PDB file of N, CA and C in Angstrom:
ATOM      1  N   UNK A   1     -16.377  -2.026   2.135  1.00  0.00           N
ATOM      2  CA  UNK A   1     -15.758  -2.628   3.362  1.00  0.00           C
ATOM      3  C   UNK A   1     -15.405  -1.441   4.238  1.00  0.00           C
ATOM      4  N   UNK A   2     -15.641  -1.433   5.409  1.00  0.00           N
ATOM      5  CA  UNK A   2     -15.129  -0.372   6.348  1.00  0.00           C
ATOM      6  C   UNK A   2     -13.677  -0.752   6.976  1.00  0.00           C
ATOM      7  N   UNK A   3     -12.832  -0.119   6.545  1.00  0.00           N
ATOM      8  CA  UNK A   3     -11.442   0.108   7.076  1.00  0.00           C
ATOM      9  C   UNK A   3     -11.209   0.481   8.259  1.00  0.00           C
ATOM     10  N   UNK A   4     -11.720   1.741   8.777  1.00  0.00           N
ATOM     11  CA  UNK A   4     -11.496   2.174  10.081  1.00  0.00           C
ATOM     12  C   UNK A   4     -12.523   2.995  10.449  1.00  0.00           C
ATOM     13  N   UNK A   5     -12.680   3.471  11.700  1.00  0.00           N
ATOM     14  CA  UNK A   5     -13.564   4.391  12.218  1.00  0.00           C
ATOM     15  C   UNK A   5     -12.813   4.950  13.494  1.00  0.00           C
ATOM     16  N   UNK A   6     -12.741   6.399  13.679  1.00  0.00           N
ATOM     17  CA  UNK A   6     -12.134   6.821  14.494  1.00  0.00           C
ATOM     18  C   UNK A   6     -12.968   8.406  15.031  1.00  0.00           C
ATOM     19  N   UNK A   7     -12.792   8.724  16.216  1.00  0.00           N
ATOM     20  CA  UNK A   7     -13.357   9.956  16.543  1.00  0.00           C
ATOM     21  C   UNK A   7     -12.539  11.010  16.857  1.00  0.00           C
ATOM     22  N   UNK A   8     -12.810  12.339  16.250  1.00  0.00           N
ATOM     23  CA  UNK A   8     -12.167  13.496  16.306  1.00  0.00           C
ATOM     24  C   UNK A   8     -12.930  14.638  16.679  1.00  0.00           C
ATOM     25  N   UNK A   9     -12.786  14.946  17.882  1.00  0.00           N
ATOM     26  CA  UNK A   9     -13.957  15.891  18.391  1.00  0.00           C
ATOM     27  C   UNK A   9     -15.146  15.596  18.350  1.00  0.00           C
ATOM     28  N   UNK A  10     -16.271  16.545  17.700  1.00  0.00           N
ATOM     29  CA  UNK A  10     -17.364  15.889  17.555  1.00  0.00           C
ATOM     30  C   UNK A  10     -17.961  15.193  16.325  1.00  0.00           C
ATOM     31  N   UNK A  11     -16.926  14.666  15.561  1.00  0.00           N
ATOM     32  CA  UNK A  11     -17.107  13.922  14.443  1.00  0.00           C
ATOM     33  C   UNK A  11     -16.699  12.384  14.520  1.00  0.00           C
ATOM     34  N   UNK A  12     -17.159  11.682  13.537  1.00  0.00           N
ATOM     35  CA  UNK A  12     -16.673  10.240  13.276  1.00  0.00           C
ATOM     36  C   UNK A  12     -15.802  10.668  11.989  1.00  0.00           C
ATOM     37  N   UNK A  13     -14.708   9.792  11.814  1.00  0.00           N
ATOM     38  CA  UNK A  13     -14.041   9.792  10.627  1.00  0.00           C
ATOM     39  C   UNK A  13     -14.134   8.460  10.210  1.00  0.00           C
ATOM     40  N   UNK A  14     -14.780   7.954   9.205  1.00  0.00           N
ATOM     41  CA  UNK A  14     -14.981   6.519   8.725  1.00  0.00           C
ATOM     42  C   UNK A  14     -14.351   6.453   7.381  1.00  0.00           C
ATOM     43  N   UNK A  15     -13.207   5.440   7.257  1.00  0.00           N
ATOM     44  CA  UNK A  15     -12.866   5.127   6.062  1.00  0.00           C
ATOM     45  C   UNK A  15     -13.286   3.891   5.518  1.00  0.00           C
ATOM     46  N   UNK A  16     -13.665   4.067   4.191  1.00  0.00           N
ATOM     47  CA  UNK A  16     -14.481   2.683   3.539  1.00  0.00           C
ATOM     48  C   UNK A  16     -13.828   2.701   2.013  1.00  0.00           C
ATOM     49  N   UNK A  17     -13.898   1.335   1.739  1.00  0.00           N
ATOM     50  CA  UNK A  17     -13.203   1.082   0.563  1.00  0.00           C
ATOM     51  C   UNK A  17     -13.997   0.074  -0.170  1.00  0.00           C
ATOM     52  N   UNK A  18     -13.960   0.062  -1.554  1.00  0.00           N
ATOM     53  CA  UNK A  18     -14.343  -0.902  -2.266  1.00  0.00           C
ATOM     54  C   UNK A  18     -13.586  -1.287  -3.482  1.00  0.00           C
ATOM     55  N   UNK A  19     -13.688  -1.760  -4.373  1.00  0.00           N
ATOM     56  CA  UNK A  19     -12.873  -2.608  -5.339  1.00  0.00           C
ATOM     57  C   UNK A  19     -11.709  -1.647  -5.929  1.00  0.00           C
ATOM     58  N   UNK A  20     -12.092  -0.103  -6.204  1.00  0.00           N
ATOM     59  CA  UNK A  20     -11.015   0.806  -6.725  1.00  0.00           C
ATOM     60  C   UNK A  20     -10.920   2.031  -6.009  1.00  0.00           C
ATOM     61  N   UNK A  21     -11.595   2.255  -5.058  1.00  0.00           N
ATOM     62  CA  UNK A  21     -11.896   3.737  -4.375  1.00  0.00           C
ATOM     63  C   UNK A  21     -11.755   3.454  -2.938  1.00  0.00           C
ATOM     64  N   UNK A  22     -11.377   4.610  -2.123  1.00  0.00           N
ATOM     65  CA  UNK A  22     -11.277   4.645  -0.828  1.00  0.00           C
ATOM     66  C   UNK A  22     -11.916   6.003  -0.565  1.00  0.00           C
ATOM     67  N   UNK A  23     -12.900   5.904   0.441  1.00  0.00           N
ATOM     68  CA  UNK A  23     -13.669   7.240   0.867  1.00  0.00           C
ATOM     69  C   UNK A  23     -13.404   7.454   2.094  1.00  0.00           C
ATOM     70  N   UNK A  24     -13.237   8.713   2.587  1.00  0.00           N
ATOM     71  CA  UNK A  24     -13.102   9.178   4.005  1.00  0.00           C
ATOM     72  C   UNK A  24     -14.328  10.058   4.263  1.00  0.00           C
ATOM     73  N   UNK A  25     -15.247   9.674   4.979  1.00  0.00           N
ATOM     74  CA  UNK A  25     -16.386  10.208   5.477  1.00  0.00           C
ATOM     75  C   UNK A  25     -16.361  10.953   6.815  1.00  0.00           C
ATOM     76  N   UNK A  26     -16.754  12.101   6.978  1.00  0.00           N
ATOM     77  CA  UNK A  26     -16.767  12.950   8.195  1.00  0.00           C
ATOM     78  C   UNK A  26     -18.343  13.029   8.524  1.00  0.00           C
ATOM     79  N   UNK A  27     -18.513  12.570   9.698  1.00  0.00           N
ATOM     80  CA  UNK A  27     -20.173  12.577  10.296  1.00  0.00           C
ATOM     81  C   UNK A  27     -20.010  13.200  11.530  1.00  0.00           C
ATOM     82  N   UNK A  28     -21.243  13.861  11.913  1.00  0.00           N
ATOM     83  CA  UNK A  28     -21.440  14.436  13.031  1.00  0.00           C
ATOM     84  C   UNK A  28     -21.831  13.319  14.131  1.00  0.00           C
ATOM     85  N   UNK A  29     -21.217  13.422  15.088  1.00  0.00           N
ATOM     86  CA  UNK A  29     -21.425  12.356  16.341  1.00  0.00           C
ATOM     87  C   UNK A  29     -22.745  12.216  16.818  1.00  0.00           C
ATOM     88  N   UNK A  30     -23.420  13.564  16.708  1.00  0.00           N
ATOM     89  CA  UNK A  30     -24.720  13.721  17.456  1.00  0.00           C
ATOM     90  C   UNK A  30     -25.880  13.131  16.583  1.00  0.00           C
ATOM     91  N   UNK A  31     -25.845  13.522  15.360  1.00  0.00           N
ATOM     92  CA  UNK A  31     -27.092  12.939  14.663  1.00  0.00           C
ATOM     93  C   UNK A  31     -26.606  12.093  13.328  1.00  0.00           C
ATOM     94  N   UNK A  32     -25.258  11.899  13.155  1.00  0.00           N
ATOM     95  CA  UNK A  32     -24.947  11.005  12.325  1.00  0.00           C
ATOM     96  C   UNK A  32     -24.850  11.611  10.517  1.00  0.00           C
ATOM     97  N   UNK A  33     -25.185  12.884  10.594  1.00  0.00           N
ATOM     98  CA  UNK A  33     -25.229  13.648   9.522  1.00  0.00           C
ATOM     99  C   UNK A  33     -23.545  13.905   8.783  1.00  0.00           C
ATOM    100  N   UNK A  34     -23.564  13.747   7.273  1.00  0.00           N
ATOM    101  CA  UNK A  34     -22.383  13.758   6.643  1.00  0.00           C
ATOM    102  C   UNK A  34     -22.206  15.186   6.531  1.00  0.00           C
ATOM    103  N   UNK A  35     -20.859  15.488   6.990  1.00  0.00           N
ATOM    104  CA  UNK A  35     -20.343  16.943   6.873  1.00  0.00           C
ATOM    105  C   UNK A  35     -19.283  16.976   5.754  1.00  0.00           C
ATOM    106  N   UNK A  36     -18.601  16.106   5.381  1.00  0.00           N
ATOM    107  CA  UNK A  36     -17.454  15.964   4.428  1.00  0.00           C
ATOM    108  C   UNK A  36     -17.343  14.603   3.965  1.00  0.00           C
ATOM    109  N   UNK A  37     -16.798  14.332   2.745  1.00  0.00           N
ATOM    110  CA  UNK A  37     -16.538  13.236   1.995  1.00  0.00           C
ATOM    111  C   UNK A  37     -15.409  13.314   1.089  1.00  0.00           C
ATOM    112  N   UNK A  38     -14.627  12.650   1.236  1.00  0.00           N
ATOM    113  CA  UNK A  38     -13.266  12.638   0.273  1.00  0.00           C
ATOM    114  C   UNK A  38     -13.169  11.434  -0.371  1.00  0.00           C
ATOM    115  N   UNK A  39     -12.623  10.999  -1.516  1.00  0.00           N
ATOM    116  CA  UNK A  39     -12.567  10.046  -2.015  1.00  0.00           C
ATOM    117  C   UNK A  39     -11.014   9.982  -2.988  1.00  0.00           C
ATOM    118  N   UNK A  40     -10.613   8.608  -2.916  1.00  0.00           N
ATOM    119  CA  UNK A  40      -9.352   8.586  -3.913  1.00  0.00           C
ATOM    120  C   UNK A  40      -9.334   7.317  -4.310  1.00  0.00           C
ATOM    121  N   UNK A  41      -8.616   7.216  -5.692  1.00  0.00           N
ATOM    122  CA  UNK A  41      -8.596   5.927  -6.284  1.00  0.00           C
ATOM    123  C   UNK A  41      -7.447   4.963  -5.842  1.00  0.00           C
ATOM    124  N   UNK A  42      -7.548   3.883  -5.562  1.00  0.00           N
ATOM    125  CA  UNK A  42      -6.636   3.074  -5.054  1.00  0.00           C
ATOM    126  C   UNK A  42      -5.641   2.839  -6.141  1.00  0.00           C
ATOM    127  N   UNK A  43      -4.188   2.513  -5.556  1.00  0.00           N
ATOM    128  CA  UNK A  43      -3.271   2.260  -6.701  1.00  0.00           C
ATOM    129  C   UNK A  43      -3.569   0.770  -7.268  1.00  0.00           C
ATOM    130  N   UNK A  44      -2.835   0.378  -8.044  1.00  0.00           N
ATOM    131  CA  UNK A  44      -2.725  -1.263  -8.440  1.00  0.00           C
ATOM    132  C   UNK A  44      -2.470  -2.168  -7.463  1.00  0.00           C
ATOM    133  N   UNK A  45      -1.078  -1.807  -6.707  1.00  0.00           N
ATOM    134  CA  UNK A  45      -0.585  -2.458  -5.814  1.00  0.00           C
ATOM    135  C   UNK A  45      -1.519  -2.573  -4.449  1.00  0.00           C
ATOM    136  N   UNK A  46      -2.400  -1.472  -4.172  1.00  0.00           N
ATOM    137  CA  UNK A  46      -3.292  -1.430  -2.855  1.00  0.00           C
ATOM    138  C   UNK A  46      -4.320  -2.382  -3.134  1.00  0.00           C
ATOM    139  N   UNK A  47      -4.767  -2.300  -4.706  1.00  0.00           N
ATOM    140  CA  UNK A  47      -5.690  -3.154  -4.960  1.00  0.00           C
ATOM    141  C   UNK A  47      -5.384  -4.708  -4.649  1.00  0.00           C
ATOM    142  N   UNK A  48      -4.382  -5.068  -5.430  1.00  0.00           N
ATOM    143  CA  UNK A  48      -3.679  -6.226  -5.333  1.00  0.00           C
ATOM    144  C   UNK A  48      -3.517  -6.992  -3.933  1.00  0.00           C
ATOM    145  N   UNK A  49      -3.104  -5.931  -3.035  1.00  0.00           N
ATOM    146  CA  UNK A  49      -2.781  -6.289  -1.565  1.00  0.00           C
ATOM    147  C   UNK A  49      -4.118  -6.682  -1.018  1.00  0.00           C
ATOM    148  N   UNK A  50      -5.239  -5.857  -1.136  1.00  0.00           N
ATOM    149  CA  UNK A  50      -6.406  -6.185  -0.566  1.00  0.00           C
ATOM    150  C   UNK A  50      -7.151  -7.520  -1.204  1.00  0.00           C
ATOM    151  N   UNK A  51      -6.853  -7.766  -2.443  1.00  0.00           N
ATOM    152  CA  UNK A  51      -7.232  -9.148  -2.866  1.00  0.00           C
ATOM    153  C   UNK A  51      -6.569 -10.260  -2.295  1.00  0.00           C
ATOM    154  N   UNK A  52      -5.365 -10.130  -2.130  1.00  0.00           N
ATOM    155  CA  UNK A  52      -4.571 -10.947  -1.644  1.00  0.00           C
ATOM    156  C   UNK A  52      -5.050 -11.405  -0.137  1.00  0.00           C
ATOM    157  N   UNK A  53      -5.250 -10.244   0.833  1.00  0.00           N
ATOM    158  CA  UNK A  53      -5.714 -10.499   2.234  1.00  0.00           C
ATOM    159  C   UNK A  53      -7.024 -11.042   2.068  1.00  0.00           C
ATOM    160  N   UNK A  54      -8.057 -10.824   1.018  1.00  0.00           N
ATOM    161  CA  UNK A  54      -9.303 -11.233   1.300  1.00  0.00           C
ATOM    162  C   UNK A  54      -9.167 -12.867   0.814  1.00  0.00           C
ATOM    163  N   UNK A  55      -8.347 -13.124   0.064  1.00  0.00           N
ATOM    164  CA  UNK A  55      -8.093 -14.514  -0.530  1.00  0.00           C
ATOM    165  C   UNK A  55      -7.572 -15.482   0.516  1.00  0.00           C
ATOM    166  N   UNK A  56      -6.779 -14.876   1.474  1.00  0.00           N
ATOM    167  CA  UNK A  56      -6.017 -15.641   2.672  1.00  0.00           C
ATOM    168  C   UNK A  56      -7.073 -15.625   3.918  1.00  0.00           C
ATOM    169  N   UNK A  57      -7.930 -14.723   3.814  1.00  0.00           N
ATOM    170  CA  UNK A  57      -8.814 -14.794   4.994  1.00  0.00           C
ATOM    171  C   UNK A  57      -9.959 -15.850   4.632  1.00  0.00           C
ATOM    172  N   UNK A  58     -10.438 -15.932   3.319  1.00  0.00           N
ATOM    173  CA  UNK A  58     -11.505 -16.715   3.131  1.00  0.00           C
ATOM    174  C   UNK A  58     -10.967 -18.054   2.476  1.00  0.00           C
ATOM    175  N   UNK A  59     -10.843 -19.296   3.195  1.00  0.00           N
ATOM    176  CA  UNK A  59     -10.198 -20.312   2.353  1.00  0.00           C
ATOM    177  C   UNK A  59     -11.067 -20.919   1.411  1.00  0.00           C
ATOM    178  N   UNK A  60     -12.341 -20.704   1.433  1.00  0.00           N
ATOM    179  CA  UNK A  60     -13.410 -21.311   0.781  1.00  0.00           C
ATOM    180  C   UNK A  60     -13.657 -22.531   1.296  1.00  0.00           C
ATOM    181  N   UNK A  61     -14.775 -23.222   0.311  1.00  0.00           N
ATOM    182  CA  UNK A  61     -15.216 -24.607   0.586  1.00  0.00           C
ATOM    183  C   UNK A  61     -14.022 -25.745   0.769  1.00  0.00           C
ATOM    184  N   UNK A  62     -12.867 -25.499   0.309  1.00  0.00           N
ATOM    185  CA  UNK A  62     -11.951 -26.717   0.264  1.00  0.00           C
ATOM    186  C   UNK A  62     -11.563 -26.816   1.816  1.00  0.00           C
ATOM    187  N   UNK A  63     -11.532 -25.931   2.739  1.00  0.00           N
ATOM    188  CA  UNK A  63     -11.262 -25.973   4.146  1.00  0.00           C
ATOM    189  C   UNK A  63     -12.218 -26.508   4.975  1.00  0.00           C
ATOM    190  N   UNK A  64     -13.389 -26.914   4.556  1.00  0.00           N
ATOM    191  CA  UNK A  64     -14.495 -27.468   5.269  1.00  0.00           C
ATOM    192  C   UNK A  64     -14.225 -29.158   5.423  1.00  0.00           C
ATOM    193  N   UNK A  65     -14.714 -29.696   6.512  1.00  0.00           N
ATOM    194  CA  UNK A  65     -14.600 -31.047   6.660  1.00  0.00           C
ATOM    195  C   UNK A  65     -15.991 -31.665   6.987  1.00  0.00           C
ATOM    196  N   UNK A  66     -15.772 -33.014   6.754  1.00  0.00           N
ATOM    197  CA  UNK A  66     -17.016 -33.725   7.254  1.00  0.00           C
ATOM    198  C   UNK A  66     -17.314 -33.837   8.839  1.00  0.00           C
ATOM    199  N   UNK A  67     -18.604 -34.222   9.254  1.00  0.00           N
ATOM    200  CA  UNK A  67     -18.580 -34.346  10.630  1.00  0.00           C
ATOM    201  C   UNK A  67     -17.730 -35.585  11.257  1.00  0.00           C
ATOM    202  N   UNK A  68     -17.595 -36.452  10.644  1.00  0.00           N
ATOM    203  CA  UNK A  68     -16.752 -37.650  10.828  1.00  0.00           C
ATOM    204  C   UNK A  68     -15.287 -37.287  11.021  1.00  0.00           C
ATOM    205  N   UNK A  69     -14.928 -36.509   9.844  1.00  0.00           N
ATOM    206  CA  UNK A  69     -13.562 -35.991  10.292  1.00  0.00           C
ATOM    207  C   UNK A  69     -13.128 -35.025  11.268  1.00  0.00           C
ATOM    208  N   UNK A  70     -14.270 -34.076  11.529  1.00  0.00           N
ATOM    209  CA  UNK A  70     -14.116 -33.216  12.735  1.00  0.00           C
ATOM    210  C   UNK A  70     -14.003 -34.107  13.970  1.00  0.00           C
ATOM    211  N   UNK A  71     -14.843 -35.028  14.081  1.00  0.00           N
ATOM    212  CA  UNK A  71     -14.888 -36.040  15.299  1.00  0.00           C
ATOM    213  C   UNK A  71     -13.669 -36.626  15.495  1.00  0.00           C
ATOM    214  N   UNK A  72     -12.922 -37.100  14.540  1.00  0.00           N
ATOM    215  CA  UNK A  72     -11.725 -37.957  14.596  1.00  0.00           C
ATOM    216  C   UNK A  72     -10.665 -37.036  14.714  1.00  0.00           C
ATOM    217  N   UNK A  73     -10.607 -35.743  14.336  1.00  0.00           N
ATOM    218  CA  UNK A  73      -9.511 -34.980  14.760  1.00  0.00           C
ATOM    219  C   UNK A  73      -9.383 -34.525  16.207  1.00  0.00           C
ATOM    220  N   UNK A  74     -10.991 -34.033  16.421  1.00  0.00           N
ATOM    221  CA  UNK A  74     -10.911 -33.892  18.172  1.00  0.00           C
ATOM    222  C   UNK A  74     -10.793 -34.789  19.047  1.00  0.00           C
ATOM    223  N   UNK A  75     -11.239 -36.074  18.620  1.00  0.00           N
ATOM    224  CA  UNK A  75     -10.684 -37.150  19.480  1.00  0.00           C
ATOM    225  C   UNK A  75      -9.258 -37.452  19.629  1.00  0.00           C
ATOM    226  N   UNK A  76      -8.584 -37.362  18.343  1.00  0.00           N
ATOM    227  CA  UNK A  76      -7.112 -37.325  18.443  1.00  0.00           C
ATOM    228  C   UNK A  76      -6.528 -36.380  19.275  1.00  0.00           C
ATOM    229  N   UNK A  77      -7.073 -35.160  19.099  1.00  0.00           N
ATOM    230  CA  UNK A  77      -6.434 -33.826  20.043  1.00  0.00           C
ATOM    231  C   UNK A  77      -6.703 -33.938  21.469  1.00  0.00           C
ATOM    232  N   UNK A  78      -8.103 -34.264  21.961  1.00  0.00           N
ATOM    233  CA  UNK A  78      -8.321 -34.118  23.359  1.00  0.00           C
ATOM    234  C   UNK A  78      -9.290 -35.455  24.043  1.00  0.00           C
ATOM    235  N   UNK A  79      -9.397 -36.350  23.239  1.00  0.00           N
ATOM    236  CA  UNK A  79     -10.153 -37.466  23.634  1.00  0.00           C
ATOM    237  C   UNK A  79     -11.479 -37.146  24.116  1.00  0.00           C
ATOM    238  N   UNK A  80     -12.154 -37.970  25.022  1.00  0.00           N
ATOM    239  CA  UNK A  80     -13.469 -37.860  25.518  1.00  0.00           C
ATOM    240  C   UNK A  80     -14.606 -38.251  24.810  1.00  0.00           C
ATOM    241  N   UNK A  81     -15.467 -38.044  25.140  1.00  0.00           N
ATOM    242  CA  UNK A  81     -16.853 -38.646  24.513  1.00  0.00           C
ATOM    243  C   UNK A  81     -17.709 -37.687  23.872  1.00  0.00           C
ATOM    244  N   UNK A  82     -18.207 -37.749  22.680  1.00  0.00           N
ATOM    245  CA  UNK A  82     -19.115 -36.822  21.962  1.00  0.00           C
ATOM    246  C   UNK A  82     -20.606 -36.970  22.466  1.00  0.00           C
ATOM    247  N   UNK A  83     -20.935 -35.573  22.835  1.00  0.00           N
ATOM    248  CA  UNK A  83     -22.362 -35.449  23.343  1.00  0.00           C
ATOM    249  C   UNK A  83     -23.204 -34.708  22.174  1.00  0.00           C
ATOM    250  N   UNK A  84     -22.479 -33.701  21.605  1.00  0.00           N
ATOM    251  CA  UNK A  84     -23.106 -32.972  20.449  1.00  0.00           C
ATOM    252  C   UNK A  84     -22.319 -32.473  19.641  1.00  0.00           C
ATOM    253  N   UNK A  85     -22.624 -32.463  18.294  1.00  0.00           N
ATOM    254  CA  UNK A  85     -21.519 -31.684  17.287  1.00  0.00           C
ATOM    255  C   UNK A  85     -22.282 -30.795  16.570  1.00  0.00           C
TER     256      UNK A  85
END
């Protein structure tokens, strides 16, 4: 997962994380070559925070509604006539 991208002089600094590690990759802006890469292990708290953020962003299939439910909700909110769903 890409956490951040910033420019610093003639370089891009890209911060990427996976389940347990965070990487800071320094790349040349001109040709995209990697000039430096550092990694660090994420603490248990940081891993738990990321998992909490991901679960709150992705409500899953429980949040889906049927077409009829969506029509009823929209009709109650704004009224009008359905042309296309």
